[in-house]
Amino acid sequence: SYLSDLIRRHRKKIRSPWRRLNAGQQALLVLVHLRKDETLTEVA
């Protein structure tokens, strides 16, 4: 939730256009990569 809120506020600040993943999904992708060290190919 913390990382999702951080990303959501950042997107609003920079007026980010539509993205494939919402803020919560992006946060989960980041946490999976950092916590489990899955490769970019795997998380993508």
All heavy atoms as atom14 arrays in JSON, in Angstrom:
{
  "sequence": "SYLSDLIRRHRKKIRSPWRRLNAGQQALLVLVHLRKDETLTEVA",
  "atom14_mask": [
    [1, 1, 1, 1, 1, 1, 0, 0, 0, 0, 0, 0, 0, 0],
    [1, 1, 1, 1, 1, 1, 1, 1, 1, 1, 1, 1, 0, 0],
    [1, 1, 1, 1, 1, 1, 1, 1, 0, 0, 0, 0, 0, 0],
    [1, 1, 1, 1, 1, 1, 0, 0, 0, 0, 0, 0, 0, 0],
    [1, 1, 1, 1, 1, 1, 1, 1, 0, 0, 0, 0, 0, 0],
    [1, 1, 1, 1, 1, 1, 1, 1, 0, 0, 0, 0, 0, 0],
    [1, 1, 1, 1, 1, 1, 1, 1, 0, 0, 0, 0, 0, 0],
    [1, 1, 1, 1, 1, 1, 1, 1, 1, 1, 1, 0, 0, 0],
    [1, 1, 1, 1, 1, 1, 1, 1, 1, 1, 1, 0, 0, 0],
    [1, 1, 1, 1, 1, 1, 1, 1, 1, 1, 0, 0, 0, 0],
    [1, 1, 1, 1, 1, 1, 1, 1, 1, 1, 1, 0, 0, 0],
    [1, 1, 1, 1, 1, 1, 1, 1, 1, 0, 0, 0, 0, 0],
    [1, 1, 1, 1, 1, 1, 1, 1, 1, 0, 0, 0, 0, 0],
    [1, 1, 1, 1, 1, 1, 1, 1, 0, 0, 0, 0, 0, 0],
    [1, 1, 1, 1, 1, 1, 1, 1, 1, 1, 1, 0, 0, 0],
    [1, 1, 1, 1, 1, 1, 0, 0, 0, 0, 0, 0, 0, 0],
    [1, 1, 1, 1, 1, 1, 1, 0, 0, 0, 0, 0, 0, 0],
    [1, 1, 1, 1, 1, 1, 1, 1, 1, 1, 1, 1, 1, 1],
    [1, 1, 1, 1, 1, 1, 1, 1, 1, 1, 1, 0, 0, 0],
    [1, 1, 1, 1, 1, 1, 1, 1, 1, 1, 1, 0, 0, 0],
    [1, 1, 1, 1, 1, 1, 1, 1, 0, 0, 0, 0, 0, 0],
    [1, 1, 1, 1, 1, 1, 1, 1, 0, 0, 0, 0, 0, 0],
    [1, 1, 1, 1, 1, 0, 0, 0, 0, 0, 0, 0, 0, 0],
    [1, 1, 1, 1, 0, 0, 0, 0, 0, 0, 0, 0, 0, 0],
    [1, 1, 1, 1, 1, 1, 1, 1, 1, 0, 0, 0, 0, 0],
    [1, 1, 1, 1, 1, 1, 1, 1, 1, 0, 0, 0, 0, 0],
    [1, 1, 1, 1, 1, 0, 0, 0, 0, 0, 0, 0, 0, 0],
    [1, 1, 1, 1, 1, 1, 1, 1, 0, 0, 0, 0, 0, 0],
    [1, 1, 1, 1, 1, 1, 1, 1, 0, 0, 0, 0, 0, 0],
    [1, 1, 1, 1, 1, 1, 1, 0, 0, 0, 0, 0, 0, 0],
    [1, 1, 1, 1, 1, 1, 1, 1, 0, 0, 0, 0, 0, 0],
    [1, 1, 1, 1, 1, 1, 1, 0, 0, 0, 0, 0, 0, 0],
    [1, 1, 1, 1, 1, 1, 1, 1, 1, 1, 0, 0, 0, 0],
    [1, 1, 1, 1, 1, 1, 1, 1, 0, 0, 0, 0, 0, 0],
    [1, 1, 1, 1, 1, 1, 1, 1, 1, 1, 1, 0, 0, 0],
    [1, 1, 1, 1, 1, 1, 1, 1, 1, 0, 0, 0, 0, 0],
    [1, 1, 1, 1, 1, 1, 1, 1, 0, 0, 0, 0, 0, 0],
    [1, 1, 1, 1, 1, 1, 1, 1, 1, 0, 0, 0, 0, 0],
    [1, 1, 1, 1, 1, 1, 1, 0, 0, 0, 0, 0, 0, 0],
    [1, 1, 1, 1, 1, 1, 1, 1, 0, 0, 0, 0, 0, 0],
    [1, 1, 1, 1, 1, 1, 1, 0, 0, 0, 0, 0, 0, 0],
    [1, 1, 1, 1, 1, 1, 1, 1, 1, 0, 0, 0, 0, 0],
    [1, 1, 1, 1, 1, 1, 1, 0, 0, 0, 0, 0, 0, 0],
    [1, 1, 1, 1, 1, 0, 0, 0, 0, 0, 0, 0, 0, 0]
  ],
  "atom14_positions": [
    [[0.83, -1.21, 0.0], [0.0, 0.0, 0.0], [0.86, 1.26, 0.0], [0.56, 2.24, -0.69], [-0.93, 0.0, 1.22], [-1.83, -1.08, 1.17], [0.0, 0.0, 0.0], [0.0, 0.0, 0.0], [0.0, 0.0, 0.0], [0.0, 0.0, 0.0], [0.0, 0.0, 0.0], [0.0, 0.0, 0.0], [0.0, 0.0, 0.0], [0.0, 0.0, 0.0]],
    [[1.95, 1.22, 0.77], [2.84, 2.37, 0.84], [3.44, 2.68, -0.53], [3.42, 3.83, -0.99], [3.96, 2.1, 1.85], [5.05, 3.15, 1.85], [4.84, 4.41, 2.41], [6.29, 2.87, 1.29], [5.84, 5.37, 2.4], [7.3, 3.83, 1.27], [7.06, 5.07, 1.83], [8.05, 6.02, 1.81], [0.0, 0.0, 0.0], [0.0, 0.0, 0.0]],
    [[3.97, 1.65, -1.18], [4.59, 1.87, -2.48], [3.55, 2.23, -3.53], [3.8, 3.09, -4.39], [5.36, 0.62, -2.9], [6.15, 0.71, -4.22], [7.07, 1.92, -4.23], [6.95, -0.56, -4.46], [0.0, 0.0, 0.0], [0.0, 0.0, 0.0], [0.0, 0.0, 0.0], [0.0, 0.0, 0.0], [0.0, 0.0, 0.0], [0.0, 0.0, 0.0]],
    [[2.37, 1.63, -3.46], [1.3, 1.96, -4.41], [0.91, 3.43, -4.29], [0.75, 4.12, -5.31], [0.08, 1.07, -4.15], [0.38, -0.29, -4.3], [0.0, 0.0, 0.0], [0.0, 0.0, 0.0], [0.0, 0.0, 0.0], [0.0, 0.0, 0.0], [0.0, 0.0, 0.0], [0.0, 0.0, 0.0], [0.0, 0.0, 0.0], [0.0, 0.0, 0.0]],
    [[0.75, 3.91, -3.08], [0.38, 5.32, -2.86], [1.48, 6.25, -3.37], [1.2, 7.31, -3.95], [0.12, 5.59, -1.38], [-1.13, 4.91, -0.87], [-1.97, 4.52, -1.72], [-1.28, 4.76, 0.35], [0.0, 0.0, 0.0], [0.0, 0.0, 0.0], [0.0, 0.0, 0.0], [0.0, 0.0, 0.0], [0.0, 0.0, 0.0], [0.0, 0.0, 0.0]],
    [[2.72, 5.86, -3.17], [3.85, 6.66, -3.63], [3.83, 6.79, -5.15], [3.99, 7.88, -5.7], [5.16, 6.0, -3.17], [6.43, 6.85, -3.12], [6.27, 8.0, -2.15], [7.61, 5.97, -2.72], [0.0, 0.0, 0.0], [0.0, 0.0, 0.0], [0.0, 0.0, 0.0], [0.0, 0.0, 0.0], [0.0, 0.0, 0.0], [0.0, 0.0, 0.0]],
    [[3.61, 5.68, -5.82], [3.57, 5.68, -7.29], [2.35, 6.45, -7.79], [2.43, 7.21, -8.75], [3.57, 4.23, -7.81], [4.89, 3.55, -7.49], [3.29, 4.2, -9.3], [4.91, 2.06, -7.77], [0.0, 0.0, 0.0], [0.0, 0.0, 0.0], [0.0, 0.0, 0.0], [0.0, 0.0, 0.0], [0.0, 0.0, 0.0], [0.0, 0.0, 0.0]],
    [[1.23, 6.26, -7.11], [0.0, 6.93, -7.54], [0.15, 8.45, -7.45], [-0.25, 9.18, -8.36], [-1.16, 6.45, -6.67], [-2.55, 6.84, -7.19], [-3.64, 6.2, -6.36], [-3.62, 4.75, -6.47], [-3.28, 3.91, -5.49], [-2.9, 4.39, -4.31], [-3.29, 2.61, -5.67], [0.0, 0.0, 0.0], [0.0, 0.0, 0.0], [0.0, 0.0, 0.0]],
    [[0.73, 8.94, -6.36], [0.94, 10.38, -6.21], [1.91, 10.91, -7.25], [1.75, 12.01, -7.79], [1.44, 10.7, -4.8], [0.42, 10.47, -3.7], [0.83, 11.16, -2.41], [2.11, 10.69, -1.92], [2.27, 9.66, -1.08], [1.19, 8.99, -0.67], [3.46, 9.3, -0.67], [0.0, 0.0, 0.0], [0.0, 0.0, 0.0], [0.0, 0.0, 0.0]],
    [[2.94, 10.1, -7.55], [3.92, 10.51, -8.56], [3.27, 10.6, -9.94], [3.53, 11.56, -10.69], [5.08, 9.51, -8.59], [6.07, 9.77, -9.68], [6.91, 10.85, -9.68], [6.36, 9.07, -10.82], [7.68, 10.83, -10.76], [7.35, 9.77, -11.47], [0.0, 0.0, 0.0], [0.0, 0.0, 0.0], [0.0, 0.0, 0.0], [0.0, 0.0, 0.0]],
    [[2.45, 9.64, -10.27], [1.77, 9.67, -11.58], [0.87, 10.9, -11.7], [0.82, 11.53, -12.76], [0.94, 8.4, -11.76], [1.76, 7.13, -11.98], [0.84, 5.97, -12.31], [1.58, 4.74, -12.53], [1.03, 3.6, -12.95], [-0.28, 3.56, -13.18], [1.76, 2.51, -13.14], [0.0, 0.0, 0.0], [0.0, 0.0, 0.0], [0.0, 0.0, 0.0]],
    [[0.2, 11.2, -10.6], [-0.68, 12.37, -10.62], [0.14, 13.64, -10.77], [-0.25, 14.58, -11.49], [-1.52, 12.41, -9.34], [-2.54, 13.53, -9.3], [-3.38, 13.46, -8.04], [-4.41, 14.59, -8.0], [-5.23, 14.52, -6.76], [0.0, 0.0, 0.0], [0.0, 0.0, 0.0], [0.0, 0.0, 0.0], [0.0, 0.0, 0.0], [0.0, 0.0, 0.0]],
    [[1.28, 13.7, -10.1], [2.12, 14.89, -10.14], [2.65, 15.15, -11.54], [2.69, 16.3, -12.0], [3.28, 14.73, -9.14], [4.23, 15.91, -9.11], [5.36, 15.67, -8.11], [6.33, 16.83, -8.1], [7.44, 16.6, -7.12], [0.0, 0.0, 0.0], [0.0, 0.0, 0.0], [0.0, 0.0, 0.0], [0.0, 0.0, 0.0], [0.0, 0.0, 0.0]],
    [[3.08, 14.1, -12.23], [3.65, 14.28, -13.58], [2.59, 14.17, -14.67], [2.92, 14.22, -15.85], [4.78, 13.26, -13.83], [4.22, 11.83, -13.85], [5.88, 13.4, -12.8], [5.26, 10.78, -14.24], [0.0, 0.0, 0.0], [0.0, 0.0, 0.0], [0.0, 0.0, 0.0], [0.0, 0.0, 0.0], [0.0, 0.0, 0.0], [0.0, 0.0, 0.0]],
    [[1.33, 13.98, -14.24], [0.22, 13.85, -15.19], [0.49, 12.74, -16.19], [0.42, 12.92, -17.41], [-0.04, 15.17, -15.9], [-0.46, 16.29, -14.96], [-0.76, 17.56, -15.7], [-1.18, 18.62, -14.77], [-1.49, 19.85, -15.17], [-1.45, 20.18, -16.45], [-1.86, 20.76, -14.27], [0.0, 0.0, 0.0], [0.0, 0.0, 0.0], [0.0, 0.0, 0.0]],
    [[0.82, 11.58, -15.64], [1.17, 10.44, -16.47], [-0.02, 9.98, -17.29], [-1.15, 9.9, -16.79], [1.66, 9.29, -15.58], [1.9, 8.14, -16.34], [0.0, 0.0, 0.0], [0.0, 0.0, 0.0], [0.0, 0.0, 0.0], [0.0, 0.0, 0.0], [0.0, 0.0, 0.0], [0.0, 0.0, 0.0], [0.0, 0.0, 0.0], [0.0, 0.0, 0.0]],
    [[0.19, 9.65, -18.56], [-0.91, 9.11, -19.37], [-1.25, 7.68, -18.94], [-0.64, 7.13, -18.02], [-0.33, 9.15, -20.79], [1.15, 9.05, -20.58], [1.44, 9.78, -19.31], [0.0, 0.0, 0.0], [0.0, 0.0, 0.0], [0.0, 0.0, 0.0], [0.0, 0.0, 0.0], [0.0, 0.0, 0.0], [0.0, 0.0, 0.0], [0.0, 0.0, 0.0]],
    [[-2.18, 7.08, -19.64], [-2.59, 5.7, -19.31], [-1.41, 4.76, -19.4], [-0.56, 4.87, -20.29], [-3.68, 5.27, -20.29], [-4.12, 3.85, -20.09], [-5.09, 3.41, -19.25], [-3.6, 2.68, -20.73], [-5.21, 2.05, -19.32], [-4.3, 1.57, -20.23], [-2.6, 2.47, -21.68], [-4.05, 0.27, -20.64], [-2.33, 1.17, -22.09], [-3.05, 0.09, -21.58]],
    [[-1.35, 3.82, -18.45], [-0.3, 2.81, -18.47], [-0.92, 1.41, -18.44], [-2.04, 1.23, -17.99], [0.63, 2.98, -17.26], [1.36, 4.31, -17.22], [2.44, 4.27, -16.17], [3.09, 5.56, -15.97], [4.15, 5.74, -15.19], [4.68, 4.71, -14.55], [4.68, 6.95, -15.05], [0.0, 0.0, 0.0], [0.0, 0.0, 0.0], [0.0, 0.0, 0.0]],
    [[-0.11, 0.46, -18.88], [-0.59, -0.92, -18.95], [-0.95, -1.46, -17.56], [-1.93, -2.17, -17.38], [0.48, -1.8, -19.6], [0.07, -3.26, -19.78], [-1.04, -3.41, -20.81], [-1.39, -4.8, -21.05], [-0.79, -5.55, -21.96], [0.19, -5.05, -22.71], [-1.15, -6.79, -22.13], [0.0, 0.0, 0.0], [0.0, 0.0, 0.0], [0.0, 0.0, 0.0]],
    [[-0.14, -1.11, -16.57], [-0.38, -1.54, -15.19], [-0.8, -0.35, -14.35], [-0.25, 0.75, -14.5], [0.87, -2.17, -14.59], [1.45, -3.41, -15.28], [2.64, -3.94, -14.5], [0.4, -4.5, -15.47], [0.0, 0.0, 0.0], [0.0, 0.0, 0.0], [0.0, 0.0, 0.0], [0.0, 0.0, 0.0], [0.0, 0.0, 0.0], [0.0, 0.0, 0.0]],
    [[-1.74, -0.55, -13.43], [-2.09, 0.51, -12.5], [-1.02, 0.61, -11.41], [-0.07, -0.19, -11.37], [-3.48, 0.3, -11.91], [-3.59, -0.99, -11.11], [-2.65, -1.41, -10.43], [-4.75, -1.66, -11.19], [0.0, 0.0, 0.0], [0.0, 0.0, 0.0], [0.0, 0.0, 0.0], [0.0, 0.0, 0.0], [0.0, 0.0, 0.0], [0.0, 0.0, 0.0]],
    [[-1.17, 1.57, -10.51], [-0.13, 1.82, -9.49], [0.08, 0.61, -8.59], [1.22, 0.28, -8.24], [-0.51, 3.05, -8.66], [0.0, 0.0, 0.0], [0.0, 0.0, 0.0], [0.0, 0.0, 0.0], [0.0, 0.0, 0.0], [0.0, 0.0, 0.0], [0.0, 0.0, 0.0], [0.0, 0.0, 0.0], [0.0, 0.0, 0.0], [0.0, 0.0, 0.0]],
    [[-0.99, -0.06, -8.22], [-0.86, -1.23, -7.36], [-0.13, -2.37, -8.04], [0.7, -3.05, -7.44], [0.0, 0.0, 0.0], [0.0, 0.0, 0.0], [0.0, 0.0, 0.0], [0.0, 0.0, 0.0], [0.0, 0.0, 0.0], [0.0, 0.0, 0.0], [0.0, 0.0, 0.0], [0.0, 0.0, 0.0], [0.0, 0.0, 0.0], [0.0, 0.0, 0.0]],
    [[-0.43, -2.59, -9.32], [0.25, -3.66, -10.07], [1.71, -3.33, -10.29], [2.58, -4.21, -10.21], [-0.47, -3.87, -11.4], [-1.86, -4.45, -11.28], [-2.62, -4.4, -12.6], [-2.46, -3.49, -13.4], [-3.47, -5.41, -12.82], [0.0, 0.0, 0.0], [0.0, 0.0, 0.0], [0.0, 0.0, 0.0], [0.0, 0.0, 0.0], [0.0, 0.0, 0.0]],
    [[2.01, -2.06, -10.56], [3.41, -1.66, -10.71], [4.17, -1.87, -9.4], [5.3, -2.37, -9.4], [3.52, -0.2, -11.13], [4.98, 0.26, -11.28], [5.1, 1.73, -11.65], [4.12, 2.38, -11.99], [6.31, 2.27, -11.58], [0.0, 0.0, 0.0], [0.0, 0.0, 0.0], [0.0, 0.0, 0.0], [0.0, 0.0, 0.0], [0.0, 0.0, 0.0]],
    [[3.55, -1.51, -8.28], [4.2, -1.7, -6.98], [4.47, -3.17, -6.72], [5.55, -3.54, -6.22], [3.32, -1.12, -5.88], [0.0, 0.0, 0.0], [0.0, 0.0, 0.0], [0.0, 0.0, 0.0], [0.0, 0.0, 0.0], [0.0, 0.0, 0.0], [0.0, 0.0, 0.0], [0.0, 0.0, 0.0], [0.0, 0.0, 0.0], [0.0, 0.0, 0.0]],
    [[3.52, -4.02, -7.05], [3.71, -5.46, -6.83], [4.83, -5.99, -7.72], [5.65, -6.81, -7.26], [2.41, -6.2, -7.11], [2.41, -7.71, -6.81], [2.77, -7.97, -5.35], [1.06, -8.32, -7.15], [0.0, 0.0, 0.0], [0.0, 0.0, 0.0], [0.0, 0.0, 0.0], [0.0, 0.0, 0.0], [0.0, 0.0, 0.0], [0.0, 0.0, 0.0]],
    [[4.89, -5.55, -8.96], [5.97, -5.97, -9.86], [7.33, -5.6, -9.27], [8.26, -6.41, -9.27], [5.77, -5.32, -11.23], [6.78, -5.63, -12.34], [6.12, -5.52, -13.71], [8.0, -4.71, -12.3], [0.0, 0.0, 0.0], [0.0, 0.0, 0.0], [0.0, 0.0, 0.0], [0.0, 0.0, 0.0], [0.0, 0.0, 0.0], [0.0, 0.0, 0.0]],
    [[7.44, -4.38, -8.75], [8.7, -3.91, -8.18], [9.09, -4.73, -6.96], [10.24, -5.15, -6.8], [8.6, -2.41, -7.81], [9.84, -1.96, -7.05], [8.4, -1.57, -9.06], [0.0, 0.0, 0.0], [0.0, 0.0, 0.0], [0.0, 0.0, 0.0], [0.0, 0.0, 0.0], [0.0, 0.0, 0.0], [0.0, 0.0, 0.0], [0.0, 0.0, 0.0]],
    [[8.12, -5.0, -6.1], [8.4, -5.77, -4.88], [8.83, -7.2, -5.2], [9.71, -7.76, -4.55], [7.18, -5.77, -3.97], [6.8, -4.42, -3.35], [5.51, -4.54, -2.54], [7.92, -3.89, -2.46], [0.0, 0.0, 0.0], [0.0, 0.0, 0.0], [0.0, 0.0, 0.0], [0.0, 0.0, 0.0], [0.0, 0.0, 0.0], [0.0, 0.0, 0.0]],
    [[8.21, -7.8, -6.2], [8.59, -9.16, -6.61], [10.03, -9.17, -7.09], [10.82, -10.06, -6.72], [7.64, -9.67, -7.72], [8.21, -10.94, -8.36], [6.25, -9.95, -7.15], [0.0, 0.0, 0.0], [0.0, 0.0, 0.0], [0.0, 0.0, 0.0], [0.0, 0.0, 0.0], [0.0, 0.0, 0.0], [0.0, 0.0, 0.0], [0.0, 0.0, 0.0]],
    [[10.4, -8.2, -7.9], [11.77, -8.14, -8.42], [12.79, -7.93, -7.31], [13.82, -8.6, -7.27], [11.86, -7.01, -9.44], [13.23, -6.85, -10.03], [13.84, -7.8, -10.81], [14.13, -5.82, -9.93], [15.04, -7.39, -11.17], [15.25, -6.19, -10.65], [0.0, 0.0, 0.0], [0.0, 0.0, 0.0], [0.0, 0.0, 0.0], [0.0, 0.0, 0.0]],
    [[12.5, -7.01, -6.39], [13.45, -6.71, -5.33], [13.53, -7.8, -4.27], [14.62, -8.15, -3.8], [13.09, -5.38, -4.65], [13.09, -4.13, -5.53], [12.73, -2.91, -4.7], [14.44, -3.94, -6.22], [0.0, 0.0, 0.0], [0.0, 0.0, 0.0], [0.0, 0.0, 0.0], [0.0, 0.0, 0.0], [0.0, 0.0, 0.0], [0.0, 0.0, 0.0]],
    [[12.39, -8.34, -3.91], [12.37, -9.33, -2.83], [12.85, -10.71, -3.28], [13.59, -11.38, -2.57], [10.94, -9.44, -2.28], [10.81, -10.3, -1.02], [11.44, -9.6, 0.17], [11.11, -10.26, 1.42], [11.4, -9.79, 2.63], [12.05, -8.65, 2.75], [11.07, -10.45, 3.72], [0.0, 0.0, 0.0], [0.0, 0.0, 0.0], [0.0, 0.0, 0.0]],
    [[12.44, -11.11, -4.48], [12.73, -12.47, -4.93], [13.84, -12.53, -5.97], [14.27, -13.62, -6.35], [11.45, -13.1, -5.49], [10.3, -13.13, -4.49], [9.06, -13.8, -5.06], [9.23, -15.29, -5.16], [7.98, -15.96, -5.57], [0.0, 0.0, 0.0], [0.0, 0.0, 0.0], [0.0, 0.0, 0.0], [0.0, 0.0, 0.0], [0.0, 0.0, 0.0]],
    [[14.28, -11.37, -6.45], [15.35, -11.3, -7.45], [14.98, -12.07, -8.73], [15.85, -12.68, -9.36], [16.67, -11.82, -6.88], [17.86, -11.46, -7.76], [17.76, -10.49, -8.53], [18.89, -12.16, -7.7], [0.0, 0.0, 0.0], [0.0, 0.0, 0.0], [0.0, 0.0, 0.0], [0.0, 0.0, 0.0], [0.0, 0.0, 0.0], [0.0, 0.0, 0.0]],
    [[13.72, -12.04, -9.08], [13.34, -12.63, -10.35], [13.84, -11.73, -11.48], [13.87, -10.5, -11.34], [11.83, -12.81, -10.44], [11.3, -13.87, -9.48], [9.85, -14.23, -9.75], [9.25, -13.64, -10.66], [9.33, -15.12, -9.06], [0.0, 0.0, 0.0], [0.0, 0.0, 0.0], [0.0, 0.0, 0.0], [0.0, 0.0, 0.0], [0.0, 0.0, 0.0]],
    [[14.25, -12.32, -12.58], [14.82, -11.55, -13.67], [13.75, -10.67, -14.32], [12.55, -10.88, -14.16], [15.4, -12.48, -14.74], [14.34, -13.25, -15.33], [16.44, -13.42, -14.14], [0.0, 0.0, 0.0], [0.0, 0.0, 0.0], [0.0, 0.0, 0.0], [0.0, 0.0, 0.0], [0.0, 0.0, 0.0], [0.0, 0.0, 0.0], [0.0, 0.0, 0.0]],
    [[14.22, -9.69, -15.09], [13.28, -8.8, -15.78], [12.4, -9.58, -16.75], [11.21, -9.27, -16.89], [14.05, -7.71, -16.53], [14.77, -6.67, -15.66], [15.59, -5.75, -16.55], [13.78, -5.88, -14.84], [0.0, 0.0, 0.0], [0.0, 0.0, 0.0], [0.0, 0.0, 0.0], [0.0, 0.0, 0.0], [0.0, 0.0, 0.0], [0.0, 0.0, 0.0]],
    [[12.96, -10.57, -17.39], [12.18, -11.38, -18.32], [11.06, -12.11, -17.59], [9.91, -12.17, -18.08], [13.09, -12.41, -19.02], [14.13, -11.73, -19.71], [12.29, -13.26, -20.01], [0.0, 0.0, 0.0], [0.0, 0.0, 0.0], [0.0, 0.0, 0.0], [0.0, 0.0, 0.0], [0.0, 0.0, 0.0], [0.0, 0.0, 0.0], [0.0, 0.0, 0.0]],
    [[11.36, -12.61, -16.4], [10.36, -13.37, -15.63], [9.25, -12.46, -15.12], [8.06, -12.79, -15.24], [11.04, -14.09, -14.46], [11.94, -15.23, -14.9], [12.8, -15.77, -13.78], [13.03, -15.03, -12.79], [13.25, -16.92, -13.88], [0.0, 0.0, 0.0], [0.0, 0.0, 0.0], [0.0, 0.0, 0.0], [0.0, 0.0, 0.0], [0.0, 0.0, 0.0]],
    [[9.61, -11.32, -14.52], [8.56, -10.44, -13.98], [7.76, -9.8, -15.11], [6.55, -9.59, -14.98], [9.14, -9.37, -13.04], [9.71, -9.99, -11.79], [10.18, -8.51, -13.74], [0.0, 0.0, 0.0], [0.0, 0.0, 0.0], [0.0, 0.0, 0.0], [0.0, 0.0, 0.0], [0.0, 0.0, 0.0], [0.0, 0.0, 0.0], [0.0, 0.0, 0.0]],
    [[8.42, -9.49, -16.22], [7.69, -8.91, -17.35], [6.66, -9.89, -17.89], [5.5, -9.5, -18.15], [8.68, -8.51, -18.45], [0.0, 0.0, 0.0], [0.0, 0.0, 0.0], [0.0, 0.0, 0.0], [0.0, 0.0, 0.0], [0.0, 0.0, 0.0], [0.0, 0.0, 0.0], [0.0, 0.0, 0.0], [0.0, 0.0, 0.0], [0.0, 0.0, 0.0]]
  ]
}
